[in-house]
Amino acid sequence: MSAFYLLVFTAVLITYRVLRGPTLPDRIVGLNTITTKVVVIIALVSVMRGEYYLIDLAIVLLMVNSVGGLILAKYMERRGAGA
């Protein structure tokens, strides 16, 4: 259970980076990290409760996160690296 609380705490800290990130890449990496932590939290809850159908939700969320990251990387490549 302490792993769950640690993941939630670090997700809250990363939310600060997403909201106050000085550049777009900081915000994108923050959102990607938060989504990954949410996937791990869903997997932990699924195992703790024995409700393994939630693993499917976690896998779909991870796929959407990966595709979104690729789309944002392509956008940043066209826009310019630093802004």
PDB file of N, CA and C in Angstrom:
ATOM      1  N   MET A   1       0.820  -1.192   0.000  1.00  0.00           N
ATOM      2  CA  MET A   1       0.000   0.000   0.000  1.00  0.00           C
ATOM      3  C   MET A   1       0.863   1.254   0.000  1.00  0.00           C
ATOM      4  N   SER A   2       2.062   1.174   0.561  1.00  0.00           N
ATOM      5  CA  SER A   2       2.922   2.354   0.590  1.00  0.00           C
ATOM      6  C   SER A   2       3.389   2.720  -0.818  1.00  0.00           C
ATOM      7  N   ALA A   3       3.509   1.740  -1.710  1.00  0.00           N
ATOM      8  CA  ALA A   3       3.880   2.037  -3.100  1.00  0.00           C
ATOM      9  C   ALA A   3       2.799   2.880  -3.764  1.00  0.00           C
ATOM     10  N   PHE A   4       1.556   2.581  -3.454  1.00  0.00           N
ATOM     11  CA  PHE A   4       0.435   3.354  -3.993  1.00  0.00           C
ATOM     12  C   PHE A   4       0.535   4.813  -3.564  1.00  0.00           C
ATOM     13  N   TYR A   5       0.765   5.036  -2.281  1.00  0.00           N
ATOM     14  CA  TYR A   5       0.860   6.410  -1.779  1.00  0.00           C
ATOM     15  C   TYR A   5       2.072   7.137  -2.352  1.00  0.00           C
ATOM     16  N   LEU A   6       3.167   6.431  -2.533  1.00  0.00           N
ATOM     17  CA  LEU A   6       4.361   7.038  -3.120  1.00  0.00           C
ATOM     18  C   LEU A   6       4.108   7.448  -4.569  1.00  0.00           C
ATOM     19  N   LEU A   7       3.422   6.614  -5.323  1.00  0.00           N
ATOM     20  CA  LEU A   7       3.101   6.953  -6.704  1.00  0.00           C
ATOM     21  C   LEU A   7       2.174   8.159  -6.785  1.00  0.00           C
ATOM     22  N   VAL A   8       1.176   8.207  -5.919  1.00  0.00           N
ATOM     23  CA  VAL A   8       0.263   9.351  -5.908  1.00  0.00           C
ATOM     24  C   VAL A   8       1.007  10.624  -5.523  1.00  0.00           C
ATOM     25  N   PHE A   9       1.872  10.543  -4.529  1.00  0.00           N
ATOM     26  CA  PHE A   9       2.635  11.713  -4.090  1.00  0.00           C
ATOM     27  C   PHE A   9       3.528  12.240  -5.207  1.00  0.00           C
ATOM     28  N   THR A  10       4.233  11.347  -5.895  1.00  0.00           N
ATOM     29  CA  THR A  10       5.108  11.809  -6.973  1.00  0.00           C
ATOM     30  C   THR A  10       4.304  12.344  -8.156  1.00  0.00           C
ATOM     31  N   ALA A  11       3.121  11.797  -8.396  1.00  0.00           N
ATOM     32  CA  ALA A  11       2.266  12.330  -9.463  1.00  0.00           C
ATOM     33  C   ALA A  11       1.823  13.754  -9.138  1.00  0.00           C
ATOM     34  N   VAL A  12       1.550  14.022  -7.869  1.00  0.00           N
ATOM     35  CA  VAL A  12       1.184  15.384  -7.461  1.00  0.00           C
ATOM     36  C   VAL A  12       2.364  16.329  -7.659  1.00  0.00           C
ATOM     37  N   LEU A  13       3.567  15.878  -7.336  1.00  0.00           N
ATOM     38  CA  LEU A  13       4.748  16.715  -7.556  1.00  0.00           C
ATOM     39  C   LEU A  13       4.962  16.997  -9.043  1.00  0.00           C
ATOM     40  N   ILE A  14       4.744  16.012  -9.869  1.00  0.00           N
ATOM     41  CA  ILE A  14       4.932  16.202 -11.306  1.00  0.00           C
ATOM     42  C   ILE A  14       3.856  17.120 -11.874  1.00  0.00           C
ATOM     43  N   THR A  15       2.681  17.129 -11.271  1.00  0.00           N
ATOM     44  CA  THR A  15       1.630  18.042 -11.708  1.00  0.00           C
ATOM     45  C   THR A  15       2.095  19.487 -11.622  1.00  0.00           C
ATOM     46  N   TYR A  16       2.895  19.798 -10.627  1.00  0.00           N
ATOM     47  CA  TYR A  16       3.462  21.142 -10.513  1.00  0.00           C
ATOM     48  C   TYR A  16       4.298  21.465 -11.745  1.00  0.00           C
ATOM     49  N   ARG A  17       5.094  20.511 -12.210  1.00  0.00           N
ATOM     50  CA  ARG A  17       5.934  20.733 -13.393  1.00  0.00           C
ATOM     51  C   ARG A  17       5.073  20.925 -14.634  1.00  0.00           C
ATOM     52  N   VAL A  18       3.964  20.205 -14.706  1.00  0.00           N
ATOM     53  CA  VAL A  18       3.081  20.349 -15.862  1.00  0.00           C
ATOM     54  C   VAL A  18       2.437  21.731 -15.865  1.00  0.00           C
ATOM     55  N   LEU A  19       2.004  22.184 -14.708  1.00  0.00           N
ATOM     56  CA  LEU A  19       1.328  23.482 -14.638  1.00  0.00           C
ATOM     57  C   LEU A  19       2.286  24.651 -14.756  1.00  0.00           C
ATOM     58  N   ARG A  20       3.482  24.517 -14.207  1.00  0.00           N
ATOM     59  CA  ARG A  20       4.423  25.631 -14.169  1.00  0.00           C
ATOM     60  C   ARG A  20       5.658  25.436 -15.036  1.00  0.00           C
ATOM     61  N   GLY A  21       5.651  24.400 -15.859  1.00  0.00           N
ATOM     62  CA  GLY A  21       6.830  24.102 -16.674  1.00  0.00           C
ATOM     63  C   GLY A  21       7.212  25.278 -17.554  1.00  0.00           C
ATOM     64  N   PRO A  22       8.474  25.632 -17.568  1.00  0.00           N
ATOM     65  CA  PRO A  22       8.865  26.804 -18.347  1.00  0.00           C
ATOM     66  C   PRO A  22       8.773  26.583 -19.859  1.00  0.00           C
ATOM     67  N   THR A  23       8.882  25.349 -20.309  1.00  0.00           N
ATOM     68  CA  THR A  23       8.834  25.090 -21.749  1.00  0.00           C
ATOM     69  C   THR A  23       7.834  23.986 -22.055  1.00  0.00           C
ATOM     70  N   LEU A  24       7.463  23.913 -23.325  1.00  0.00           N
ATOM     71  CA  LEU A  24       6.536  22.879 -23.770  1.00  0.00           C
ATOM     72  C   LEU A  24       7.086  21.467 -23.565  1.00  0.00           C
ATOM     73  N   PRO A  25       8.370  21.216 -23.854  1.00  0.00           N
ATOM     74  CA  PRO A  25       8.887  19.859 -23.590  1.00  0.00           C
ATOM     75  C   PRO A  25       8.777  19.443 -22.123  1.00  0.00           C
ATOM     76  N   ASP A  26       8.958  20.386 -21.182  1.00  0.00           N
ATOM     77  CA  ASP A  26       8.785  20.062 -19.760  1.00  0.00           C
ATOM     78  C   ASP A  26       7.367  19.595 -19.480  1.00  0.00           C
ATOM     79  N   ARG A  27       6.415  20.265 -20.058  1.00  0.00           N
ATOM     80  CA  ARG A  27       5.009  19.909 -19.830  1.00  0.00           C
ATOM     81  C   ARG A  27       4.667  18.566 -20.463  1.00  0.00           C
ATOM     82  N   ILE A  28       5.189  18.327 -21.653  1.00  0.00           N
ATOM     83  CA  ILE A  28       4.910  17.063 -22.337  1.00  0.00           C
ATOM     84  C   ILE A  28       5.498  15.884 -21.563  1.00  0.00           C
ATOM     85  N   VAL A  29       6.729  16.015 -21.126  1.00  0.00           N
ATOM     86  CA  VAL A  29       7.358  14.940 -20.344  1.00  0.00           C
ATOM     87  C   VAL A  29       6.605  14.735 -19.031  1.00  0.00           C
ATOM     88  N   GLY A  30       6.157  15.824 -18.407  1.00  0.00           N
ATOM     89  CA  GLY A  30       5.387  15.713 -17.171  1.00  0.00           C
ATOM     90  C   GLY A  30       4.080  14.960 -17.376  1.00  0.00           C
ATOM     91  N   LEU A  31       3.350  15.299 -18.439  1.00  0.00           N
ATOM     92  CA  LEU A  31       2.094  14.600 -18.718  1.00  0.00           C
ATOM     93  C   LEU A  31       2.327  13.126 -19.033  1.00  0.00           C
ATOM     94  N   ASN A  32       3.373  12.851 -19.769  1.00  0.00           N
ATOM     95  CA  ASN A  32       3.710  11.465 -20.082  1.00  0.00           C
ATOM     96  C   ASN A  32       4.035  10.688 -18.807  1.00  0.00           C
ATOM     97  N   THR A  33       4.772  11.307 -17.910  1.00  0.00           N
ATOM     98  CA  THR A  33       5.134  10.650 -16.651  1.00  0.00           C
ATOM     99  C   THR A  33       3.910  10.422 -15.775  1.00  0.00           C
ATOM    100  N   ILE A  34       3.029  11.412 -15.701  1.00  0.00           N
ATOM    101  CA  ILE A  34       1.808  11.257 -14.901  1.00  0.00           C
ATOM    102  C   ILE A  34       0.960  10.111 -15.452  1.00  0.00           C
ATOM    103  N   THR A  35       0.814  10.051 -16.768  1.00  0.00           N
ATOM    104  CA  THR A  35       0.019   8.981 -17.361  1.00  0.00           C
ATOM    105  C   THR A  35       0.629   7.612 -17.074  1.00  0.00           C
ATOM    106  N   THR A  36       1.940   7.525 -17.136  1.00  0.00           N
ATOM    107  CA  THR A  36       2.603   6.261 -16.820  1.00  0.00           C
ATOM    108  C   THR A  36       2.367   5.875 -15.364  1.00  0.00           C
ATOM    109  N   LYS A  37       2.424   6.840 -14.465  1.00  0.00           N
ATOM    110  CA  LYS A  37       2.160   6.559 -13.048  1.00  0.00           C
ATOM    111  C   LYS A  37       0.713   6.118 -12.841  1.00  0.00           C
ATOM    112  N   VAL A  38      -0.220   6.722 -13.554  1.00  0.00           N
ATOM    113  CA  VAL A  38      -1.622   6.323 -13.449  1.00  0.00           C
ATOM    114  C   VAL A  38      -1.792   4.878 -13.915  1.00  0.00           C
ATOM    115  N   VAL A  39      -1.089   4.495 -14.968  1.00  0.00           N
ATOM    116  CA  VAL A  39      -1.151   3.108 -15.446  1.00  0.00           C
ATOM    117  C   VAL A  39      -0.645   2.152 -14.369  1.00  0.00           C
ATOM    118  N   VAL A  40       0.450   2.503 -13.723  1.00  0.00           N
ATOM    119  CA  VAL A  40       0.990   1.649 -12.655  1.00  0.00           C
ATOM    120  C   VAL A  40       0.015   1.590 -11.479  1.00  0.00           C
ATOM    121  N   ILE A  41      -0.604   2.717 -11.135  1.00  0.00           N
ATOM    122  CA  ILE A  41      -1.589   2.735 -10.044  1.00  0.00           C
ATOM    123  C   ILE A  41      -2.771   1.834 -10.385  1.00  0.00           C
ATOM    124  N   ILE A  42      -3.256   1.910 -11.632  1.00  0.00           N
ATOM    125  CA  ILE A  42      -4.360   1.043 -12.051  1.00  0.00           C
ATOM    126  C   ILE A  42      -3.951  -0.425 -11.944  1.00  0.00           C
ATOM    127  N   ALA A  43      -2.737  -0.748 -12.345  1.00  0.00           N
ATOM    128  CA  ALA A  43      -2.267  -2.134 -12.251  1.00  0.00           C
ATOM    129  C   ALA A  43      -2.184  -2.586 -10.794  1.00  0.00           C
ATOM    130  N   LEU A  44      -1.679  -1.721  -9.910  1.00  0.00           N
ATOM    131  CA  LEU A  44      -1.610  -2.070  -8.485  1.00  0.00           C
ATOM    132  C   LEU A  44      -2.997  -2.305  -7.893  1.00  0.00           C
ATOM    133  N   VAL A  45      -3.923  -1.409  -8.197  1.00  0.00           N
ATOM    134  CA  VAL A  45      -5.288  -1.559  -7.680  1.00  0.00           C
ATOM    135  C   VAL A  45      -5.915  -2.839  -8.228  1.00  0.00           C
ATOM    136  N   SER A  46      -5.651  -3.126  -9.486  1.00  0.00           N
ATOM    137  CA  SER A  46      -6.186  -4.338 -10.094  1.00  0.00           C
ATOM    138  C   SER A  46      -5.701  -5.594  -9.375  1.00  0.00           C
ATOM    139  N   VAL A  47      -4.419  -5.637  -9.063  1.00  0.00           N
ATOM    140  CA  VAL A  47      -3.862  -6.809  -8.380  1.00  0.00           C
ATOM    141  C   VAL A  47      -4.352  -6.876  -6.938  1.00  0.00           C
ATOM    142  N   MET A  48      -4.393  -5.733  -6.246  1.00  0.00           N
ATOM    143  CA  MET A  48      -4.826  -5.726  -4.841  1.00  0.00           C
ATOM    144  C   MET A  48      -6.275  -6.173  -4.695  1.00  0.00           C
ATOM    145  N   ARG A  49      -7.123  -5.783  -5.634  1.00  0.00           N
ATOM    146  CA  ARG A  49      -8.539  -6.136  -5.542  1.00  0.00           C
ATOM    147  C   ARG A  49      -8.880  -7.447  -6.245  1.00  0.00           C
ATOM    148  N   GLY A  50      -7.953  -7.943  -7.044  1.00  0.00           N
ATOM    149  CA  GLY A  50      -8.229  -9.162  -7.789  1.00  0.00           C
ATOM    150  C   GLY A  50      -9.139  -8.933  -8.978  1.00  0.00           C
ATOM    151  N   GLU A  51      -9.261  -7.713  -9.427  1.00  0.00           N
ATOM    152  CA  GLU A  51     -10.100  -7.359 -10.576  1.00  0.00           C
ATOM    153  C   GLU A  51      -9.189  -7.147 -11.781  1.00  0.00           C
ATOM    154  N   TYR A  52      -8.859  -8.233 -12.436  1.00  0.00           N
ATOM    155  CA  TYR A  52      -7.834  -8.199 -13.469  1.00  0.00           C
ATOM    156  C   TYR A  52      -8.310  -7.584 -14.781  1.00  0.00           C
ATOM    157  N   TYR A  53      -9.603  -7.307 -14.914  1.00  0.00           N
ATOM    158  CA  TYR A  53     -10.077  -6.638 -16.121  1.00  0.00           C
ATOM    159  C   TYR A  53      -9.556  -5.202 -16.195  1.00  0.00           C
ATOM    160  N   LEU A  54      -9.130  -4.644 -15.063  1.00  0.00           N
ATOM    161  CA  LEU A  54      -8.574  -3.291 -15.074  1.00  0.00           C
ATOM    162  C   LEU A  54      -7.223  -3.236 -15.785  1.00  0.00           C
ATOM    163  N   ILE A  55      -6.556  -4.373 -15.901  1.00  0.00           N
ATOM    164  CA  ILE A  55      -5.290  -4.423 -16.635  1.00  0.00           C
ATOM    165  C   ILE A  55      -5.524  -4.041 -18.096  1.00  0.00           C
ATOM    166  N   ASP A  56      -6.675  -4.434 -18.653  1.00  0.00           N
ATOM    167  CA  ASP A  56      -6.998  -4.047 -20.031  1.00  0.00           C
ATOM    168  C   ASP A  56      -7.081  -2.533 -20.166  1.00  0.00           C
ATOM    169  N   LEU A  57      -7.694  -1.900 -19.196  1.00  0.00           N
ATOM    170  CA  LEU A  57      -7.776  -0.438 -19.196  1.00  0.00           C
ATOM    171  C   LEU A  57      -6.383   0.180 -19.138  1.00  0.00           C
ATOM    172  N   ALA A  58      -5.524  -0.382 -18.321  1.00  0.00           N
ATOM    173  CA  ALA A  58      -4.160   0.136 -18.199  1.00  0.00           C
ATOM    174  C   ALA A  58      -3.397  -0.014 -19.511  1.00  0.00           C
ATOM    175  N   ILE A  59      -3.578  -1.125 -20.192  1.00  0.00           N
ATOM    176  CA  ILE A  59      -2.886  -1.347 -21.462  1.00  0.00           C
ATOM    177  C   ILE A  59      -3.370  -0.357 -22.519  1.00  0.00           C
ATOM    178  N   VAL A  60      -4.667  -0.133 -22.590  1.00  0.00           N
ATOM    179  CA  VAL A  60      -5.209   0.832 -23.553  1.00  0.00           C
ATOM    180  C   VAL A  60      -4.698   2.231 -23.246  1.00  0.00           C
ATOM    181  N   LEU A  61      -4.689   2.608 -21.988  1.00  0.00           N
ATOM    182  CA  LEU A  61      -4.191   3.929 -21.603  1.00  0.00           C
ATOM    183  C   LEU A  61      -2.717   4.079 -21.958  1.00  0.00           C
ATOM    184  N   LEU A  62      -1.948   3.035 -21.779  1.00  0.00           N
ATOM    185  CA  LEU A  62      -0.529   3.069 -22.138  1.00  0.00           C
ATOM    186  C   LEU A  62      -0.335   3.211 -23.646  1.00  0.00           C
ATOM    187  N   MET A  63      -1.175   2.553 -24.433  1.00  0.00           N
ATOM    188  CA  MET A  63      -1.079   2.695 -25.890  1.00  0.00           C
ATOM    189  C   MET A  63      -1.443   4.104 -26.332  1.00  0.00           C
ATOM    190  N   VAL A  64      -2.499   4.670 -25.761  1.00  0.00           N
ATOM    191  CA  VAL A  64      -2.889   6.042 -26.093  1.00  0.00           C
ATOM    192  C   VAL A  64      -1.788   7.011 -25.691  1.00  0.00           C
ATOM    193  N   ASN A  65      -1.172   6.780 -24.548  1.00  0.00           N
ATOM    194  CA  ASN A  65      -0.072   7.617 -24.082  1.00  0.00           C
ATOM    195  C   ASN A  65       1.106   7.551 -25.052  1.00  0.00           C
ATOM    196  N   SER A  66       1.419   6.380 -25.539  1.00  0.00           N
ATOM    197  CA  SER A  66       2.537   6.225 -26.472  1.00  0.00           C
ATOM    198  C   SER A  66       2.267   6.941 -27.789  1.00  0.00           C
ATOM    199  N   VAL A  67       1.079   6.765 -28.331  1.00  0.00           N
ATOM    200  CA  VAL A  67       0.730   7.425 -29.587  1.00  0.00           C
ATOM    201  C   VAL A  67       0.699   8.941 -29.395  1.00  0.00           C
ATOM    202  N   GLY A  68       0.149   9.390 -28.284  1.00  0.00           N
ATOM    203  CA  GLY A  68       0.130  10.826 -27.996  1.00  0.00           C
ATOM    204  C   GLY A  68       1.527  11.410 -27.886  1.00  0.00           C
ATOM    205  N   GLY A  69       2.428  10.670 -27.266  1.00  0.00           N
ATOM    206  CA  GLY A  69       3.813  11.127 -27.159  1.00  0.00           C
ATOM    207  C   GLY A  69       4.474  11.253 -28.515  1.00  0.00           C
ATOM    208  N   LEU A  70       4.201  10.301 -29.399  1.00  0.00           N
ATOM    209  CA  LEU A  70       4.759  10.369 -30.751  1.00  0.00           C
ATOM    210  C   LEU A  70       4.196  11.556 -31.530  1.00  0.00           C
ATOM    211  N   ILE A  71       2.911  11.802 -31.386  1.00  0.00           N
ATOM    212  CA  ILE A  71       2.291  12.933 -32.077  1.00  0.00           C
ATOM    213  C   ILE A  71       2.859  14.247 -31.564  1.00  0.00           C
ATOM    214  N   LEU A  72       3.005  14.376 -30.266  1.00  0.00           N
ATOM    215  CA  LEU A  72       3.566  15.609 -29.709  1.00  0.00           C
ATOM    216  C   LEU A  72       5.032  15.787 -30.088  1.00  0.00           C
ATOM    217  N   ALA A  73       5.778  14.705 -30.181  1.00  0.00           N
ATOM    218  CA  ALA A  73       7.176  14.804 -30.608  1.00  0.00           C
ATOM    219  C   ALA A  73       7.263  15.279 -32.055  1.00  0.00           C
ATOM    220  N   LYS A  74       6.388  14.786 -32.899  1.00  0.00           N
ATOM    221  CA  LYS A  74       6.366  15.224 -34.294  1.00  0.00           C
ATOM    222  C   LYS A  74       5.982  16.700 -34.377  1.00  0.00           C
ATOM    223  N   TYR A  75       5.024  17.121 -33.570  1.00  0.00           N
ATOM    224  CA  TYR A  75       4.622  18.534 -33.529  1.00  0.00           C
ATOM    225  C   TYR A  75       5.790  19.413 -33.103  1.00  0.00           C
ATOM    226  N   MET A  76       6.504  18.991 -32.071  1.00  0.00           N
ATOM    227  CA  MET A  76       7.646  19.780 -31.596  1.00  0.00           C
ATOM    228  C   MET A  76       8.759  19.813 -32.633  1.00  0.00           C
ATOM    229  N   GLU A  77       8.929  18.738 -33.367  1.00  0.00           N
ATOM    230  CA  GLU A  77       9.957  18.700 -34.401  1.00  0.00           C
ATOM    231  C   GLU A  77       9.648  19.715 -35.500  1.00  0.00           C
ATOM    232  N   ARG A  78       8.396  19.816 -35.872  1.00  0.00           N
ATOM    233  CA  ARG A  78       8.007  20.782 -36.906  1.00  0.00           C
ATOM    234  C   ARG A  78       8.038  22.210 -36.393  1.00  0.00           C
ATOM    235  N   ARG A  79       7.681  22.390 -35.144  1.00  0.00           N
ATOM    236  CA  ARG A  79       7.588  23.727 -34.562  1.00  0.00           C
ATOM    237  C   ARG A  79       8.959  24.306 -34.242  1.00  0.00           C
ATOM    238  N   GLY A  80       9.847  23.477 -33.803  1.00  0.00           N
ATOM    239  CA  GLY A  80      11.165  23.921 -33.361  1.00  0.00           C
ATOM    240  C   GLY A  80      11.438  23.335 -31.997  1.00  0.00           C
ATOM    241  N   ALA A  81      12.650  23.005 -31.719  1.00  0.00           N
ATOM    242  CA  ALA A  81      12.991  22.199 -30.545  1.00  0.00           C
ATOM    243  C   ALA A  81      12.818  22.916 -29.224  1.00  0.00           C
ATOM    244  N   GLY A  82      13.211  24.169 -29.094  1.00  0.00           N
ATOM    245  CA  GLY A  82      13.327  24.771 -27.771  1.00  0.00           C
ATOM    246  C   GLY A  82      12.086  25.383 -27.186  1.00  0.00           C
ATOM    247  N   ALA A  83      11.121  25.793 -27.972  1.00  0.00           N
ATOM    248  CA  ALA A  83      10.006  26.558 -27.440  1.00  0.00           C
ATOM    249  C   ALA A  83       8.995  25.645 -26.849  1.00  0.00           C
TER     250      ALA A  83
END
